[in-house]
Protein backbone atom coordinates (compact mmCIF):
# COMPACT_ATOMS: atom_id res chain seq x y z
CA UNK A 1 147.17 13.94 47.20
CA UNK A 2 145.52 12.22 44.24
CA UNK A 3 142.26 10.30 44.26
CA UNK A 4 142.09 7.06 42.31
CA UNK A 5 138.84 5.35 41.47
CA UNK A 6 139.02 1.59 41.27
CA UNK A 7 136.24 -0.96 40.73
CA UNK A 8 133.51 -0.48 43.26
CA UNK A 9 135.22 2.04 45.51
CA UNK A 10 137.63 4.94 45.73
CA UNK A 11 141.29 4.67 46.62
CA UNK A 12 143.18 7.73 47.81
CA UNK A 13 146.92 7.52 47.28
CA UNK A 14 149.04 10.21 48.89
CA UNK A 15 151.77 11.36 46.60
CA UNK A 16 153.30 13.66 49.19
CA UNK A 17 153.13 13.29 52.94
CA UNK A 18 151.63 10.33 54.73
CA UNK A 19 152.54 7.56 52.26
CA UNK A 20 155.56 7.94 50.03
CA UNK A 21 154.85 5.31 47.36
CA UNK A 22 156.57 5.45 43.99
CA UNK A 23 154.77 4.74 40.71
CA UNK A 24 155.57 1.00 40.78
CA UNK A 25 154.21 0.63 44.32
CA UNK A 26 151.10 2.59 43.38
CA UNK A 27 150.62 0.29 40.39
CA UNK A 28 150.92 -2.71 42.73
CA UNK A 29 148.26 -1.32 45.06
CA UNK A 30 145.91 -0.54 42.18
CA UNK A 31 146.51 -3.82 40.34
CA UNK A 32 146.49 -6.18 43.34
CA UNK A 33 142.69 -5.98 43.39
CA UNK A 34 142.60 -8.00 40.17
CA UNK A 35 144.66 -10.86 41.57
CA UNK A 36 141.78 -11.74 43.85
CA UNK A 37 139.23 -10.84 41.23
CA UNK A 38 140.61 -13.39 38.76
CA UNK A 39 140.45 -16.32 41.19
CA UNK A 40 136.69 -16.23 41.84
CA UNK A 41 135.37 -15.43 38.35
CA UNK A 42 134.95 -19.00 37.12
CA UNK A 43 133.70 -20.54 40.39
CA UNK A 44 131.30 -17.62 40.72
CA UNK A 45 129.86 -18.24 37.25
CA UNK A 46 129.43 -21.97 37.88
CA UNK A 47 127.73 -21.39 41.24
CA UNK A 48 125.36 -18.75 39.84
CA UNK A 49 124.29 -21.06 37.01
CA UNK A 50 123.52 -23.84 39.47
CA UNK A 51 122.04 -21.95 42.43
CA UNK A 52 121.11 -18.51 41.08
CA UNK A 53 122.87 -15.18 41.26
CA UNK A 54 120.97 -13.25 43.95
CA UNK A 55 122.95 -14.19 47.04
CA UNK A 56 126.25 -14.49 45.26
CA UNK A 57 125.95 -10.96 43.89
CA UNK A 58 124.64 -9.49 47.13
CA UNK A 59 127.21 -11.09 49.41
CA UNK A 60 129.99 -10.10 47.02
CA UNK A 61 129.07 -6.42 47.31
CA UNK A 62 128.60 -6.74 51.08
CA UNK A 63 132.03 -8.35 51.47
CA UNK A 64 133.81 -5.60 49.59
CA UNK A 65 131.89 -2.91 51.47
CA UNK A 66 132.95 -4.34 54.82
CA UNK A 67 136.56 -4.61 53.66
CA UNK A 68 136.42 -0.96 52.55
CA UNK A 69 135.77 -0.04 56.17
CA UNK A 70 139.07 -1.70 57.07
CA UNK A 71 141.14 -0.17 54.27
CA UNK A 72 142.41 2.91 56.16
CA UNK A 73 143.69 0.65 58.96
CA UNK A 74 145.43 -1.63 56.47
CA UNK A 75 147.13 1.39 54.84
CA UNK A 76 148.43 2.46 58.24
CA UNK A 77 149.74 -1.05 58.81
CA UNK A 78 151.88 -0.86 55.68
CA UNK A 79 151.97 -1.67 52.00
CA UNK A 80 151.83 -5.50 52.39
CA UNK A 81 148.69 -5.25 54.53
CA UNK A 82 147.02 -2.90 52.04
CA UNK A 83 147.86 -5.13 49.08
CA UNK A 84 146.48 -8.16 50.95
CA UNK A 85 143.21 -6.37 51.69
CA UNK A 86 142.92 -5.25 48.08
CA UNK A 87 143.30 -8.87 46.96
CA UNK A 88 140.52 -9.87 49.36
CA UNK A 89 138.30 -7.16 47.93
CA UNK A 90 138.91 -8.56 44.47
CA UNK A 91 137.88 -12.01 45.66
CA UNK A 92 134.49 -10.71 46.71
CA UNK A 93 133.53 -7.93 44.38
CA UNK A 94 133.17 -6.87 40.78
CA UNK A 95 134.27 -4.05 38.50
CA UNK A 96 131.62 -2.92 36.36
CA UNK A 97 131.38 -0.61 34.55
CA UNK A 98 132.53 -1.96 34.20
CA UNK A 99 131.11 -2.31 32.56
CA UNK A 100 132.09 -3.73 34.76
CA UNK A 101 133.29 -7.13 37.36
CA UNK A 102 134.81 -7.90 40.77
CA UNK A 103 135.14 -11.51 41.73
CA UNK A 104 131.96 -13.51 42.00
CA UNK A 105 129.48 -10.74 41.29
CA UNK A 106 130.20 -10.10 37.62
CA UNK A 107 129.29 -13.61 36.34
CA UNK A 108 126.37 -13.68 38.81
CA UNK A 109 125.04 -10.50 37.21
CA UNK A 110 125.12 -12.04 33.72
CA UNK A 111 123.25 -15.12 34.94
CA UNK A 112 120.57 -12.90 36.48
CA UNK A 113 120.26 -10.95 33.23
CA UNK A 114 119.78 -14.09 31.12
CA UNK A 115 116.92 -15.13 33.40
CA UNK A 116 115.17 -11.77 33.55
CA UNK A 117 115.82 -9.92 30.26
CA UNK A 118 114.22 -10.93 26.91
CA UNK A 119 116.66 -11.38 24.05
CA UNK A 120 115.19 -8.47 22.09
CA UNK A 121 115.97 -6.13 24.99
CA UNK A 122 119.34 -7.64 25.90
CA UNK A 123 121.72 -4.97 24.57
CA UNK A 124 119.92 -1.99 26.09
CA UNK A 125 119.23 -3.60 29.46
CA UNK A 126 122.83 -4.80 29.75
CA UNK A 127 124.02 -1.29 28.88
CA UNK A 128 121.77 0.27 31.52
CA UNK A 129 123.00 -2.22 34.11
CA UNK A 130 126.64 -1.49 33.36
CA UNK A 131 125.97 2.25 33.34
CA UNK A 132 125.26 1.96 37.06
CA UNK A 133 128.94 1.26 37.70
CA UNK A 134 129.94 4.30 35.65
CA UNK A 135 127.54 6.49 37.56
CA UNK A 136 129.29 5.30 40.70
CA UNK A 137 132.55 6.64 39.31
CA UNK A 138 130.90 9.91 38.25
CA UNK A 139 129.49 10.45 41.73
CA UNK A 140 132.41 9.06 43.71
CA UNK A 141 135.17 11.17 42.15
CA UNK A 142 133.97 14.65 43.16
CA UNK A 143 132.56 13.32 46.43
CA UNK A 144 135.87 11.72 47.38
CA UNK A 145 137.91 14.79 46.51
CA UNK A 146 135.55 17.02 48.48
CA UNK A 147 135.74 14.78 51.54
CA UNK A 148 139.51 14.55 51.31
CA UNK A 149 140.04 18.28 50.84
CA UNK A 150 137.53 19.70 53.30
CA UNK A 151 138.77 18.34 56.58
CA UNK A 152 137.03 14.96 56.79
CA UNK A 153 140.21 13.26 55.58
CA UNK A 154 140.74 10.50 53.04
CA UNK A 155 139.69 7.65 55.42
CA UNK A 156 136.16 9.08 55.49
CA UNK A 157 135.81 8.16 51.81
CA UNK A 158 136.10 4.45 52.61
CA UNK A 159 133.91 4.65 55.70
CA UNK A 160 131.07 6.39 53.88
CA UNK A 161 131.12 4.18 50.78
CA UNK A 162 131.52 1.07 52.91
CA UNK A 163 128.44 1.91 54.99
CA UNK A 164 126.43 2.71 51.85
CA UNK A 165 127.33 -0.72 50.45
CA UNK A 166 126.06 -2.42 53.59
CA UNK A 167 122.77 -0.48 53.42
CA UNK A 168 122.42 -1.43 49.75
CA UNK A 169 122.74 -5.12 50.69
CA UNK A 170 119.69 -4.85 52.95
CA UNK A 171 117.59 -3.50 50.08
CA UNK A 172 118.95 -6.14 47.69
CA UNK A 173 117.92 -9.03 49.94
CA UNK A 174 114.31 -7.77 49.97
CA UNK A 175 113.90 -6.73 46.34
CA UNK A 176 116.03 -9.13 44.23
CA UNK A 177 115.12 -12.65 43.08
CA UNK A 178 116.97 -15.28 41.05
CA UNK A 179 114.29 -15.52 38.36
CA UNK A 180 110.71 -14.39 37.64
CA UNK A 181 109.15 -17.63 38.93
CA UNK A 182 110.52 -16.88 42.41
CA UNK A 183 109.17 -13.31 42.59
CA UNK A 184 106.19 -13.22 45.00
CA UNK A 185 104.70 -10.00 43.61
CA UNK A 186 105.18 -10.36 39.86
CA UNK A 187 101.99 -9.87 37.85
CA UNK A 188 100.54 -12.69 35.75
CA UNK A 189 100.85 -10.54 32.64
CA UNK A 190 104.56 -9.90 33.17
CA UNK A 191 105.22 -13.54 34.04
CA UNK A 192 103.51 -14.74 30.86
CA UNK A 193 105.45 -12.21 28.80
CA UNK A 194 108.79 -13.26 30.27
CA UNK A 195 107.91 -16.93 29.92
CA UNK A 196 107.39 -16.56 26.18
CA UNK A 197 110.32 -14.17 25.66
CA UNK A 198 113.25 -15.69 27.54
CA UNK A 199 114.81 -18.96 26.42
CA UNK A 200 116.38 -19.49 29.84
CA UNK A 201 113.20 -18.96 31.93
CA UNK A 202 112.37 -22.13 33.83
CA UNK A 203 112.09 -23.58 37.26
CA UNK A 204 115.50 -24.11 38.77
CA UNK A 205 116.57 -27.58 37.59
CA UNK A 206 117.54 -30.20 40.15
CA UNK A 207 120.72 -30.80 38.24
CA UNK A 208 122.31 -28.18 36.04
CA UNK A 209 123.59 -29.46 32.67
CA UNK A 210 127.22 -30.48 32.76
CA UNK A 211 129.53 -27.81 31.42
CA UNK A 212 131.01 -28.98 28.06
CA UNK A 213 134.56 -27.87 28.83
CA UNK A 214 136.19 -29.61 25.89
CA UNK A 215 133.73 -28.14 23.39
CA UNK A 216 134.11 -24.67 24.89
CA UNK A 217 137.89 -24.66 24.72
CA UNK A 218 137.87 -25.99 21.16
CA UNK A 219 135.40 -23.31 20.03
CA UNK A 220 136.82 -20.63 17.74
CA UNK A 221 134.11 -18.04 18.63
CA UNK A 222 134.88 -18.54 22.32
CA UNK A 223 138.60 -17.85 21.80
CA UNK A 224 137.82 -14.80 19.68
CA UNK A 225 135.59 -13.52 22.46
CA UNK A 226 138.30 -14.25 25.04
CA UNK A 227 140.95 -12.28 23.15
CA UNK A 228 138.61 -9.36 22.51
CA UNK A 229 137.49 -9.10 26.12
CA UNK A 230 141.10 -9.15 27.35
CA UNK A 231 142.02 -6.33 24.99
CA UNK A 232 138.90 -4.36 25.94
CA UNK A 233 139.62 -4.69 29.63
CA UNK A 234 143.25 -3.64 29.17
CA UNK A 235 142.34 -0.18 27.92
CA UNK A 236 139.39 0.32 30.25
CA UNK A 237 141.19 -0.73 33.44
CA UNK A 238 144.24 1.26 32.43
CA UNK A 239 142.07 4.35 32.19
CA UNK A 240 140.19 3.64 35.41
CA UNK A 241 143.35 3.03 37.42
CA UNK A 242 145.82 5.45 35.85
CA UNK A 243 143.81 8.37 34.45
CA UNK A 244 143.95 10.46 37.67
CA UNK A 245 147.72 9.92 37.86
CA UNK A 246 148.22 10.98 34.22
CA UNK A 247 146.14 14.10 34.66
CA UNK A 248 148.03 15.06 37.83
CA UNK A 249 151.61 14.29 36.80
CA UNK A 250 151.53 15.14 33.08
CA UNK A 251 148.68 17.61 32.62
CA UNK A 252 149.29 19.11 36.08
CA UNK A 253 145.63 19.73 36.85
CA UNK A 254 144.43 20.26 40.42
CA UNK A 255 142.71 17.55 42.45
CA UNK A 256 139.31 19.21 42.03
CA UNK A 257 139.80 19.65 38.27
CA UNK A 258 141.02 16.06 38.06
CA UNK A 259 137.92 14.65 39.74
CA UNK A 260 135.53 16.76 37.67
CA UNK A 261 137.26 15.86 34.39
CA UNK A 262 137.23 12.16 35.28
CA UNK A 263 133.53 12.35 36.12
CA UNK A 264 132.86 13.99 32.76
CA UNK A 265 134.85 11.33 30.92
CA UNK A 266 132.96 8.45 32.55
CA UNK A 267 129.65 10.23 32.01
CA UNK A 268 130.47 10.11 28.31
CA UNK A 269 130.81 6.33 28.52
CA UNK A 270 127.32 6.15 30.04
CA UNK A 271 125.92 8.00 27.04
CA UNK A 272 127.82 5.79 24.62
CA UNK A 273 126.59 2.60 26.28
CA UNK A 274 122.96 3.75 26.39
CA UNK A 275 123.03 4.84 22.74
CA UNK A 276 124.74 1.61 21.64
CA UNK A 277 122.36 -0.60 23.60
CA UNK A 278 119.27 1.12 22.22
CA UNK A 279 120.57 1.17 18.64
CA UNK A 280 121.66 -2.49 18.73
CA UNK A 281 118.23 -3.64 19.93
CA UNK A 282 116.48 -1.37 17.40
CA UNK A 283 118.49 -2.81 14.51
CA UNK A 284 117.82 -6.36 15.64
CA UNK A 285 114.11 -6.01 16.43
CA UNK A 286 113.42 -4.33 13.10
CA UNK A 287 115.44 -6.94 11.16
CA UNK A 288 117.61 -4.25 9.60
CA UNK A 289 120.81 -6.31 9.88
CA UNK A 290 121.61 -9.64 11.49
CA UNK A 291 122.53 -9.91 15.16
CA UNK A 292 125.98 -11.20 14.22
CA UNK A 293 126.61 -8.14 12.04
CA UNK A 294 125.42 -5.88 14.84
CA UNK A 295 127.80 -7.39 17.38
CA UNK A 296 130.82 -7.23 15.04
CA UNK A 297 130.17 -3.71 13.75
CA UNK A 298 129.58 -2.31 17.24
CA UNK A 299 132.74 -3.93 18.59
CA UNK A 300 134.66 -2.54 15.63
CA UNK A 301 133.34 0.96 16.33
CA UNK A 302 134.25 0.59 20.01
CA UNK A 303 137.82 -0.65 19.68
CA UNK A 304 138.92 1.01 16.43
CA UNK A 305 137.37 4.33 17.40
CA UNK A 306 138.96 4.17 20.85
CA UNK A 307 142.34 3.33 19.31
CA UNK A 308 142.18 6.42 17.07
CA UNK A 309 141.39 8.57 20.09
CA UNK A 310 144.41 7.23 21.98
CA UNK A 311 146.73 7.76 19.02
CA UNK A 312 145.60 11.38 18.81
CA UNK A 313 146.43 12.15 22.45
CA UNK A 314 150.24 12.39 21.94
CA UNK A 315 149.59 14.91 19.15
CA UNK A 316 147.58 17.21 21.42
CA UNK A 317 150.78 18.60 22.97
CA UNK A 318 149.33 18.34 26.50
CA UNK A 319 146.64 20.90 25.79
CA UNK A 320 144.25 20.02 28.60
CA UNK A 321 140.96 20.76 26.76
CA UNK A 322 142.09 18.70 23.75
CA UNK A 323 143.22 15.75 25.87
CA UNK A 324 139.97 15.73 27.83
CA UNK A 325 137.97 15.93 24.59
CA UNK A 326 139.89 12.95 23.19
CA UNK A 327 139.38 10.96 26.39
CA UNK A 328 135.67 11.75 26.23
CA UNK A 329 135.65 10.47 22.64
CA UNK A 330 137.52 7.35 23.77
CA UNK A 331 134.99 6.50 26.48
CA UNK A 332 131.96 7.35 24.33
CA UNK A 333 133.13 5.04 21.56
CA UNK A 334 134.20 2.35 24.02
CA UNK A 335 130.60 2.33 25.24
CA UNK A 336 129.65 0.61 21.98
CA UNK A 337 130.95 -2.65 23.46
CA UNK A 338 127.50 -2.71 25.12
CA UNK A 339 126.19 -3.74 21.69
CA UNK A 340 129.26 -5.78 20.76
CA UNK A 341 131.31 -8.26 22.76
CA UNK A 342 129.59 -7.67 26.13
CA UNK A 343 126.20 -9.22 25.25
CA UNK A 344 127.94 -11.83 23.08
CA UNK A 345 128.92 -13.52 26.34
CA UNK A 346 125.22 -14.30 26.77
CA UNK A 347 124.43 -14.79 23.08
CA UNK A 348 126.70 -17.73 22.30
CA UNK A 349 125.59 -19.90 25.25
CA UNK A 350 122.64 -18.59 27.32
CA UNK A 351 122.56 -21.74 29.47
CA UNK A 352 126.24 -21.29 30.39
CA UNK A 353 126.34 -17.48 30.57
CA UNK A 354 127.93 -17.60 34.03
CA UNK A 355 130.68 -19.96 32.92
CA UNK A 356 131.43 -18.04 29.71
CA UNK A 357 131.45 -14.71 31.52
CA UNK A 358 133.60 -16.18 34.29
CA UNK A 359 136.15 -17.50 31.80
CA UNK A 360 136.22 -14.27 29.78
CA UNK A 361 136.53 -12.15 32.90
CA UNK A 362 139.19 -14.40 34.43
CA UNK A 363 141.41 -13.94 31.40
CA UNK A 364 140.28 -10.40 30.65
CA UNK A 365 140.80 -9.04 34.12
CA UNK A 366 144.40 -10.20 34.23
CA UNK A 367 144.88 -7.01 32.26
CA UNK A 368 143.55 -5.12 35.26
CA UNK A 369 146.65 -6.27 37.13
CA UNK A 370 149.09 -6.19 34.23
CA UNK A 371 147.99 -2.78 32.90
CA UNK A 372 148.86 -0.74 36.02
CA UNK A 373 152.09 -2.70 36.45
CA UNK A 374 153.00 -2.06 32.81
CA UNK A 375 152.28 1.65 33.21
CA UNK A 376 154.19 1.78 36.48
CA UNK A 377 157.18 0.08 34.83
CA UNK A 378 157.14 2.37 31.79
CA UNK A 379 156.83 5.52 33.90
CA UNK A 380 158.94 4.27 36.81
CA UNK A 381 160.08 7.23 38.85
CA UNK A 382 160.63 7.54 42.57
CA UNK A 383 158.95 10.91 42.29
CA UNK A 384 155.84 10.47 40.14
CA UNK A 385 155.94 14.15 39.15
CA UNK A 386 159.08 13.39 37.11
CA UNK A 387 157.17 11.18 34.67
CA UNK A 388 157.49 12.34 31.06
CA UNK A 389 155.10 12.82 28.17
CA UNK A 390 157.09 10.35 26.06
CA UNK A 391 156.64 7.58 28.63
CA UNK A 392 152.89 8.03 28.68
CA UNK A 393 152.71 8.29 24.89
CA UNK A 394 154.25 4.82 24.66
CA UNK A 395 151.48 3.53 26.96
CA UNK A 396 148.81 5.08 24.71
CA UNK A 397 150.36 3.71 21.50
CA UNK A 398 150.66 0.21 22.98
CA UNK A 399 147.01 0.22 24.02
CA UNK A 400 145.91 1.44 20.58
CA UNK A 401 147.79 -1.43 18.88
CA UNK A 402 146.15 -3.95 21.21
CA UNK A 403 142.73 -2.49 20.42
CA UNK A 404 143.37 -2.81 16.70
CA UNK A 405 144.27 -6.48 17.09
CA UNK A 406 141.25 -7.18 19.31
CA UNK A 407 138.84 -5.62 16.83
CA UNK A 408 140.23 -7.63 13.91
CA UNK A 409 140.08 -10.86 15.94
CA UNK A 410 136.42 -10.42 16.85
CA UNK A 411 135.34 -9.31 13.37
CA UNK A 412 137.09 -12.22 11.64
CA UNK A 413 136.63 -15.09 14.11
CA UNK A 414 133.81 -14.03 16.44
CA UNK A 415 130.06 -14.66 16.25
CA UNK A 416 126.90 -14.13 18.27
CA UNK A 417 125.26 -17.37 17.14
CA UNK A 418 124.31 -19.89 19.83
CA UNK A 419 126.99 -22.56 19.66
CA UNK A 420 126.20 -26.25 19.02
CA UNK A 421 127.66 -27.28 22.39
CA UNK A 422 125.15 -24.94 24.09
CA UNK A 423 122.13 -26.74 22.53
CA UNK A 424 121.65 -29.78 24.70
CA UNK A 425 118.05 -30.89 24.50
CA UNK A 426 114.64 -29.84 23.22
CA UNK A 427 111.87 -28.16 25.16
CA UNK A 428 108.21 -27.33 24.66
CA UNK A 429 107.64 -23.61 24.33
CA UNK A 430 104.07 -22.52 25.18
CA UNK A 431 102.57 -19.49 23.41
CA UNK A 432 99.36 -17.87 24.64
CA UNK A 433 96.74 -17.46 21.87
CA UNK A 434 93.02 -16.65 21.78
CA UNK A 435 92.26 -20.39 21.73
CA UNK A 436 94.56 -21.19 24.64
CA UNK A 437 98.22 -22.24 24.92
CA UNK A 438 99.80 -23.68 21.79
CA UNK A 439 103.02 -25.67 21.85
CA UNK A 440 105.98 -25.47 19.52
CA UNK A 441 109.26 -27.31 19.83
CA UNK A 442 112.69 -25.76 19.46
CA UNK A 443 116.18 -26.88 20.37
CA UNK A 444 117.62 -25.35 23.55
CA UNK A 445 118.70 -26.53 26.94
CA UNK A 446 115.66 -25.74 29.08
CA UNK A 447 112.54 -27.65 30.11
CA UNK A 448 109.49 -25.43 30.74
CA UNK A 449 106.52 -25.85 33.02
CA UNK A 450 103.09 -25.67 31.32
CA UNK A 451 102.02 -22.06 30.98
CA UNK A 452 98.75 -22.57 32.86
CA UNK A 453 100.69 -23.93 35.86
CA UNK A 454 102.65 -20.67 36.12
CA UNK A 455 99.58 -18.61 36.91
CA UNK A 456 97.64 -21.16 38.95
């Protein structure tokens, strides 16, 4: 039996015994999640912009957790039932890590971040948020293998993680708020700081600005971001979905070794994201280089460095320590997207962060479905243990070429500058001084309440 980690939960696929699925059918099960995930990205972003992200995010996680409780029954009912349930999970949830999203929750998360995180802390705080998904993988892999191997059986994995998700929802409803102005226990000092530090901090408007669809789809930076995110997701989702299979069928490691190696690999991504987020904010806040240069250079490091790591894997001759070291390098370098294209989704249009993230994720996460299918097609064997090194090498080379193209696209055509179509009207920005609030005027999309009203 092999354990596969997919966005937000763990999927156990039996290679021998209870379920005799070939590599194509396994790819369908793994990739079907993203069919549902794609559908709700854009509506989720629009709704979060208009009504806030708290309940959208929370109910998305709750929905997937409850569906996880039903997954063992759907597997017993047959492959069509399991694929259907996986699609429903994609409708509700997000992939984080990755970094990242499932369904409605990923754009909702970005909307919440734009309303709570100052621009000068954006890269690091986004990285820390996305690291949470990676930590889930790190913890879930050895936990799932232990449960499956020690008598509890693979269904217990879904029952335990499903219950934990439901418990988490209870805490979320009590502790999370759409924006600082809604928080009943926020201090006056923190509220004043956030008010002067976040462009998007305001009372919830009665009518959200109309989304400039035509301007968005005619924007070169938006298309560069779209291409780059699709390429980024291709490699990441391929690794998330197919890494345990590769390590079992090609490297022939045991289930326990597989889970521990995968945990180590995703721990490396956490370190890469934290380092990239901190370094990006440090460079920006100290005016060492421009924000646009930071985003492009970090994305270049992430994709070009990851591509080199993938190209080196076929030359390792299946030496397990070397392959694992290269995969650790891949994930560490990929973590630099936390200072590159990931925060750019908020940079270019803070007022429409949900819409931009929804569009980028809708297109990007199609690779989450296509990647496993592509791998299943290239390594198609009725018995997955007959897959060859050459077949997997082709998968690695293809991904490396896509990463090269994505990096060049973002460096040449991308930008982190707020786009003209995202600047809709002026607002008065109040700054607290020794003599009282002073007012300056800048061009953004938000109307602020007077500062003294916030603390009255």
